[in-house]
Amino acid sequence: MSFDLKLKSGNLSISNGDLETVSGSDKLIQDILKVCLTEAGSNVIFPWYGSYVSKTMIGSTLDPSITLDYAKTQLTNSINTLKSLQETQSTYQNVSADELIYALSGVSITRNKYDPTLFSVMVRVMAKNFKLSTATFNI
């Protein structure tokens, strides 16, 4: 089983003076959130990691349906990148089935009816243990 440092609101989580870790399905959700919310190109070592979803949606003058479809495509590509990274990681490290993406079940994006600049995103994946995990966030 692998682990990662636990993040809360984008910051490292500390409990009793120690850095907290996350594993299992919680790690899977955190990994999904990180790849979706990291702007592609912002990591100079791995410029291909992340997503263009915020650039796709913020300030877009395209028809909303086109913007949403394009954003879903961007998120799907990001999840597929994460899946490839997980497959590579599992060849070198013991990774549990609840941390690995088996399939993307769906991406849903809805625009807030009161604030048209706010979008709610839901990403659902099936892990290799055949359990569904859902990651939600706002853009």
Protein backbone atom coordinates (compact mmCIF):
# COMPACT_ATOMS: atom_id res chain seq x y z
CA MET A 1 0.00 0.00 0.00
CA SER A 2 1.32 3.42 -0.89
CA PHE A 3 0.60 6.69 0.87
CA ASP A 4 0.78 10.41 0.34
CA LEU A 5 0.86 13.42 2.62
CA LYS A 6 -2.68 14.42 3.55
CA LEU A 7 -3.90 17.77 2.26
CA LYS A 8 -6.66 19.89 3.78
CA SER A 9 -7.71 22.97 1.83
CA GLY A 10 -4.47 22.78 -0.15
CA ASN A 11 -2.25 22.67 2.93
CA LEU A 12 -0.39 19.83 4.60
CA SER A 13 -2.38 18.36 7.47
CA ILE A 14 -0.65 18.17 10.85
CA SER A 15 -1.96 16.25 13.84
CA ASN A 16 -0.20 16.24 17.22
CA GLY A 17 2.90 17.74 15.59
CA ASP A 18 3.16 15.03 12.91
CA LEU A 19 2.37 15.22 9.22
CA GLU A 20 -0.71 13.14 8.45
CA THR A 21 -0.75 10.66 5.60
CA VAL A 22 -3.54 9.37 3.41
CA SER A 23 -3.92 5.92 1.81
CA GLY A 24 -6.50 3.66 0.22
CA SER A 25 -9.59 5.20 -1.36
CA ASP A 26 -8.90 8.51 0.39
CA LYS A 27 -5.56 8.64 -1.43
CA LEU A 28 -7.30 7.89 -4.72
CA ILE A 29 -9.68 10.82 -4.23
CA GLN A 30 -6.82 13.11 -3.24
CA ASP A 31 -4.84 12.03 -6.32
CA ILE A 32 -7.83 12.80 -8.55
CA LEU A 33 -8.27 16.23 -6.98
CA LYS A 34 -4.56 17.01 -7.37
CA VAL A 35 -4.41 16.09 -11.06
CA CYS A 36 -7.64 17.94 -11.86
CA LEU A 37 -6.83 21.11 -9.91
CA THR A 38 -3.15 21.39 -10.84
CA GLU A 39 -2.85 23.67 -13.85
CA ALA A 40 -1.08 21.79 -16.64
CA GLY A 41 2.37 23.27 -17.19
CA SER A 42 2.66 24.67 -13.67
CA ASN A 43 5.03 21.91 -12.54
CA VAL A 44 8.34 22.62 -14.29
CA ILE A 45 9.61 19.07 -13.74
CA PHE A 46 6.44 17.43 -15.07
CA PRO A 47 4.80 20.06 -17.33
CA TRP A 48 2.38 17.45 -18.76
CA TYR A 49 0.87 16.77 -15.29
CA GLY A 50 -2.41 18.46 -14.46
CA SER A 51 -5.37 19.82 -16.34
CA TYR A 52 -6.34 22.79 -18.48
CA VAL A 53 -9.87 22.78 -17.08
CA SER A 54 -9.61 26.14 -15.30
CA LYS A 55 -8.24 27.83 -18.44
CA THR A 56 -10.97 26.15 -20.48
CA MET A 57 -13.82 27.39 -18.31
CA ILE A 58 -12.78 30.71 -16.83
CA GLY A 59 -13.52 33.61 -19.13
CA SER A 60 -14.65 31.44 -22.03
CA THR A 61 -16.77 33.23 -24.62
CA LEU A 62 -17.80 30.01 -26.35
CA ASP A 63 -21.29 28.58 -26.12
CA PRO A 64 -21.67 27.07 -22.62
CA SER A 65 -22.37 23.57 -23.96
CA ILE A 66 -19.14 23.66 -25.99
CA THR A 67 -17.19 24.91 -22.97
CA LEU A 68 -18.59 22.16 -20.73
CA ASP A 69 -17.88 19.43 -23.30
CA TYR A 70 -14.32 20.68 -23.74
CA ALA A 71 -13.82 20.83 -19.95
CA LYS A 72 -15.07 17.23 -19.63
CA THR A 73 -12.57 16.18 -22.28
CA GLN A 74 -9.77 17.95 -20.41
CA LEU A 75 -10.70 16.22 -17.15
CA THR A 76 -10.99 12.84 -18.87
CA ASN A 77 -7.49 13.29 -20.29
CA SER A 78 -6.17 14.21 -16.83
CA ILE A 79 -7.73 11.12 -15.25
CA ASN A 80 -6.25 8.94 -18.00
CA THR A 81 -2.83 10.49 -17.31
CA LEU A 82 -3.26 9.69 -13.61
CA LYS A 83 -4.25 6.12 -14.46
CA SER A 84 -1.07 5.71 -16.54
CA LEU A 85 1.04 7.11 -13.71
CA GLN A 86 -0.59 4.69 -11.27
CA GLU A 87 0.13 1.73 -13.56
CA THR A 88 3.79 2.75 -13.76
CA GLN A 89 3.94 3.26 -9.97
CA SER A 90 2.43 -0.17 -9.29
CA THR A 91 5.25 -1.88 -11.20
CA TYR A 92 7.79 -0.47 -8.71
CA GLN A 93 5.76 -0.18 -5.53
CA ASN A 94 3.09 -2.20 -3.71
CA VAL A 95 -0.12 -0.28 -4.40
CA SER A 96 -3.48 -1.54 -3.14
CA ALA A 97 -6.44 -2.07 -5.47
CA ASP A 98 -8.46 0.66 -3.75
CA GLU A 99 -5.82 3.24 -4.77
CA LEU A 100 -5.79 2.37 -8.48
CA ILE A 101 -8.22 3.55 -11.14
CA TYR A 102 -9.81 0.73 -13.09
CA ALA A 103 -12.16 2.89 -15.15
CA LEU A 104 -13.53 6.41 -15.33
CA SER A 105 -17.26 6.17 -14.58
CA GLY A 106 -18.12 9.73 -15.46
CA VAL A 107 -17.42 13.44 -15.31
CA SER A 108 -20.23 15.84 -14.50
CA ILE A 109 -19.96 19.62 -14.64
CA THR A 110 -22.81 21.93 -13.69
CA ARG A 111 -22.94 25.72 -13.75
CA ASN A 112 -24.25 27.45 -10.65
CA LYS A 113 -27.58 29.07 -11.50
CA TYR A 114 -26.96 32.01 -9.14
CA ASP A 115 -23.29 32.60 -10.02
CA PRO A 116 -22.55 31.73 -13.67
CA THR A 117 -18.80 31.96 -13.01
CA LEU A 118 -18.93 29.02 -10.56
CA PHE A 119 -18.92 25.42 -11.76
CA SER A 120 -19.35 22.26 -9.68
CA VAL A 121 -17.40 19.24 -10.88
CA MET A 122 -17.90 15.58 -9.96
CA VAL A 123 -15.48 12.89 -11.11
CA ARG A 124 -16.45 9.26 -10.51
CA VAL A 125 -14.04 6.40 -10.95
CA MET A 126 -14.15 2.69 -10.29
CA ALA A 127 -11.11 1.47 -8.42
CA LYS A 128 -9.49 -1.89 -9.12
CA ASN A 129 -11.31 -3.24 -6.04
CA PHE A 130 -14.55 -2.48 -8.01
CA LYS A 131 -15.71 0.24 -5.61
CA LEU A 132 -16.79 3.65 -6.84
CA SER A 133 -15.03 6.75 -5.58
CA THR A 134 -16.25 10.28 -6.14
CA ALA A 135 -14.18 13.46 -6.09
CA THR A 136 -16.01 16.79 -6.11
CA PHE A 137 -14.70 20.33 -6.37
CA ASN A 138 -15.66 23.80 -7.55
CA ILE A 139 -14.03 25.95 -10.20
